[in-house]
Amino acid sequence: MDYTKYEKVRIIGARALQIAMGAPILTERGNELNPIKIAKKEFDENVLPISVKRVLPKKIMRIKKEAQKEEVVEPEIEEAEIPGEENKSAES
């Protein structure tokens, strides 16, 4: 699977955090101690049991022109009285 650069960084970052917290290393690390470099090596060797679930947008059905011509009625907005504000209009 081809990953975007964002997915790749997210996978390597998540795996580096796991390694830093003591997770077992899935590849030969030699004398490398940096968890990010170890995670990158694991990613490059394709041994990580991490997958990406992509949610694709749903299909949008086109609305017929007749349906778009329907009249839109806006609800009327009533002015609400604010307590203690009755006399302010009279003072102005």
C-alpha atoms as a PDB file:
ATOM      1  CA  MET A   1       0.000   0.000   0.000  1.00  0.00           C
ATOM      2  CA  ASP A   2       1.254   3.465  -0.812  1.00  0.00           C
ATOM      3  CA  TYR A   3       1.064   5.830   2.123  1.00  0.00           C
ATOM      4  CA  THR A   4       0.832   9.595   2.028  1.00  0.00           C
ATOM      5  CA  LYS A   5       3.611  11.514   3.747  1.00  0.00           C
ATOM      6  CA  TYR A   6       1.196  12.294   6.584  1.00  0.00           C
ATOM      7  CA  GLU A   7       0.281   8.641   7.111  1.00  0.00           C
ATOM      8  CA  LYS A   8       3.949   7.644   7.016  1.00  0.00           C
ATOM      9  CA  VAL A   9       4.901  10.224   9.651  1.00  0.00           C
ATOM     10  CA  ARG A  10       1.937   9.236  11.842  1.00  0.00           C
ATOM     11  CA  ILE A  11       2.825   5.533  11.677  1.00  0.00           C
ATOM     12  CA  ILE A  12       6.524   6.108  12.407  1.00  0.00           C
ATOM     13  CA  GLY A  13       5.693   8.517  15.244  1.00  0.00           C
ATOM     14  CA  ALA A  14       3.226   6.109  16.840  1.00  0.00           C
ATOM     15  CA  ARG A  15       5.696   3.235  16.561  1.00  0.00           C
ATOM     16  CA  ALA A  16       8.550   5.364  17.966  1.00  0.00           C
ATOM     17  CA  LEU A  17       6.370   6.157  20.984  1.00  0.00           C
ATOM     18  CA  GLN A  18       5.683   2.450  21.469  1.00  0.00           C
ATOM     19  CA  ILE A  19       9.407   1.667  21.304  1.00  0.00           C
ATOM     20  CA  ALA A  20      10.210   4.481  23.743  1.00  0.00           C
ATOM     21  CA  MET A  21       7.661   3.016  26.176  1.00  0.00           C
ATOM     22  CA  GLY A  22       9.338  -0.406  26.043  1.00  0.00           C
ATOM     23  CA  ALA A  23       7.602  -2.282  23.216  1.00  0.00           C
ATOM     24  CA  PRO A  24       9.636  -5.107  21.655  1.00  0.00           C
ATOM     25  CA  ILE A  25      11.644  -4.184  18.564  1.00  0.00           C
ATOM     26  CA  LEU A  26      10.649  -6.105  15.439  1.00  0.00           C
ATOM     27  CA  THR A  27      13.935  -5.794  13.534  1.00  0.00           C
ATOM     28  CA  GLU A  28      17.662  -5.877  14.186  1.00  0.00           C
ATOM     29  CA  ARG A  29      18.574  -2.512  15.625  1.00  0.00           C
ATOM     30  CA  GLY A  30      22.330  -2.971  15.877  1.00  0.00           C
ATOM     31  CA  ASN A  31      23.625  -0.354  18.287  1.00  0.00           C
ATOM     32  CA  GLU A  32      20.894   2.190  17.427  1.00  0.00           C
ATOM     33  CA  LEU A  33      19.153   3.703  20.474  1.00  0.00           C
ATOM     34  CA  ASN A  34      17.029   6.405  18.838  1.00  0.00           C
ATOM     35  CA  PRO A  35      13.385   5.160  18.780  1.00  0.00           C
ATOM     36  CA  ILE A  36      12.535   7.269  15.714  1.00  0.00           C
ATOM     37  CA  LYS A  37      15.356   5.764  13.652  1.00  0.00           C
ATOM     38  CA  ILE A  38      14.392   2.262  14.805  1.00  0.00           C
ATOM     39  CA  ALA A  39      10.732   2.906  13.878  1.00  0.00           C
ATOM     40  CA  LYS A  40      11.780   4.239  10.457  1.00  0.00           C
ATOM     41  CA  LYS A  41      13.891   1.116   9.872  1.00  0.00           C
ATOM     42  CA  GLU A  42      10.925  -1.085  10.831  1.00  0.00           C
ATOM     43  CA  PHE A  43       8.678   0.912   8.474  1.00  0.00           C
ATOM     44  CA  ASP A  44      11.157   0.622   5.599  1.00  0.00           C
ATOM     45  CA  GLU A  45      11.421  -3.159   6.151  1.00  0.00           C
ATOM     46  CA  ASN A  46       7.589  -3.411   6.167  1.00  0.00           C
ATOM     47  CA  VAL A  47       7.401  -5.341   9.443  1.00  0.00           C
ATOM     48  CA  LEU A  48       5.008  -3.059  11.328  1.00  0.00           C
ATOM     49  CA  PRO A  49       1.594  -4.501  12.226  1.00  0.00           C
ATOM     50  CA  ILE A  50      -0.005  -1.065  11.784  1.00  0.00           C
ATOM     51  CA  SER A  51      -2.515  -0.331   9.040  1.00  0.00           C
ATOM     52  CA  VAL A  52      -4.320   2.754   7.803  1.00  0.00           C
ATOM     53  CA  LYS A  53      -8.075   2.832   7.460  1.00  0.00           C
ATOM     54  CA  ARG A  54      -9.102   5.451   4.945  1.00  0.00           C
ATOM     55  CA  VAL A  55     -12.648   6.772   5.035  1.00  0.00           C
ATOM     56  CA  LEU A  56     -13.633   7.864   1.576  1.00  0.00           C
ATOM     57  CA  PRO A  57     -16.364  10.452   1.041  1.00  0.00           C
ATOM     58  CA  LYS A  58     -19.839   9.195   0.214  1.00  0.00           C
ATOM     59  CA  LYS A  59     -21.250   9.783  -3.225  1.00  0.00           C
ATOM     60  CA  ILE A  60     -23.351  12.916  -3.482  1.00  0.00           C
ATOM     61  CA  MET A  61     -26.467  12.575  -5.572  1.00  0.00           C
ATOM     62  CA  ARG A  62     -27.264  15.498  -7.797  1.00  0.00           C
ATOM     63  CA  ILE A  63     -30.541  17.268  -7.083  1.00  0.00           C
ATOM     64  CA  LYS A  64     -32.812  17.836 -10.039  1.00  0.00           C
ATOM     65  CA  LYS A  65     -33.266  21.435 -11.157  1.00  0.00           C
ATOM     66  CA  GLU A  66     -36.994  21.322 -10.270  1.00  0.00           C
ATOM     67  CA  ALA A  67     -36.167  20.506  -6.667  1.00  0.00           C
ATOM     68  CA  GLN A  68     -33.755  23.441  -6.497  1.00  0.00           C
ATOM     69  CA  LYS A  69     -36.474  25.885  -7.556  1.00  0.00           C
ATOM     70  CA  GLU A  70     -38.497  25.310  -4.387  1.00  0.00           C
ATOM     71  CA  GLU A  71     -39.099  28.449  -2.392  1.00  0.00           C
ATOM     72  CA  VAL A  72     -37.110  28.727   0.826  1.00  0.00           C
ATOM     73  CA  VAL A  73     -39.062  30.310   3.675  1.00  0.00           C
ATOM     74  CA  GLU A  74     -37.011  31.920   6.435  1.00  0.00           C
ATOM     75  CA  PRO A  75     -38.507  31.760   9.939  1.00  0.00           C
ATOM     76  CA  GLU A  76     -39.407  35.101  11.445  1.00  0.00           C
ATOM     77  CA  ILE A  77     -37.215  36.218  14.322  1.00  0.00           C
ATOM     78  CA  GLU A  78     -39.031  37.687  17.287  1.00  0.00           C
ATOM     79  CA  GLU A  79     -37.322  40.274  19.420  1.00  0.00           C
ATOM     80  CA  ALA A  80     -36.907  38.975  22.937  1.00  0.00           C
ATOM     81  CA  GLU A  81     -37.262  41.257  25.910  1.00  0.00           C
ATOM     82  CA  ILE A  82     -34.238  41.432  28.162  1.00  0.00           C
ATOM     83  CA  PRO A  83     -35.059  41.741  31.885  1.00  0.00           C
ATOM     84  CA  GLY A  84     -34.105  45.146  33.229  1.00  0.00           C
ATOM     85  CA  GLU A  85     -34.007  46.696  29.747  1.00  0.00           C
ATOM     86  CA  GLU A  86     -37.650  47.942  29.632  1.00  0.00           C
ATOM     87  CA  ASN A  87     -36.850  51.524  30.559  1.00  0.00           C
ATOM     88  CA  LYS A  88     -33.714  51.999  28.459  1.00  0.00           C
ATOM     89  CA  SER A  89     -35.672  52.692  25.263  1.00  0.00           C
ATOM     90  CA  ALA A  90     -37.743  55.299  27.094  1.00  0.00           C
ATOM     91  CA  GLU A  91     -34.601  57.005  28.458  1.00  0.00           C
ATOM     92  CA  SER A  92     -33.015  57.399  25.006  1.00  0.00           C
END
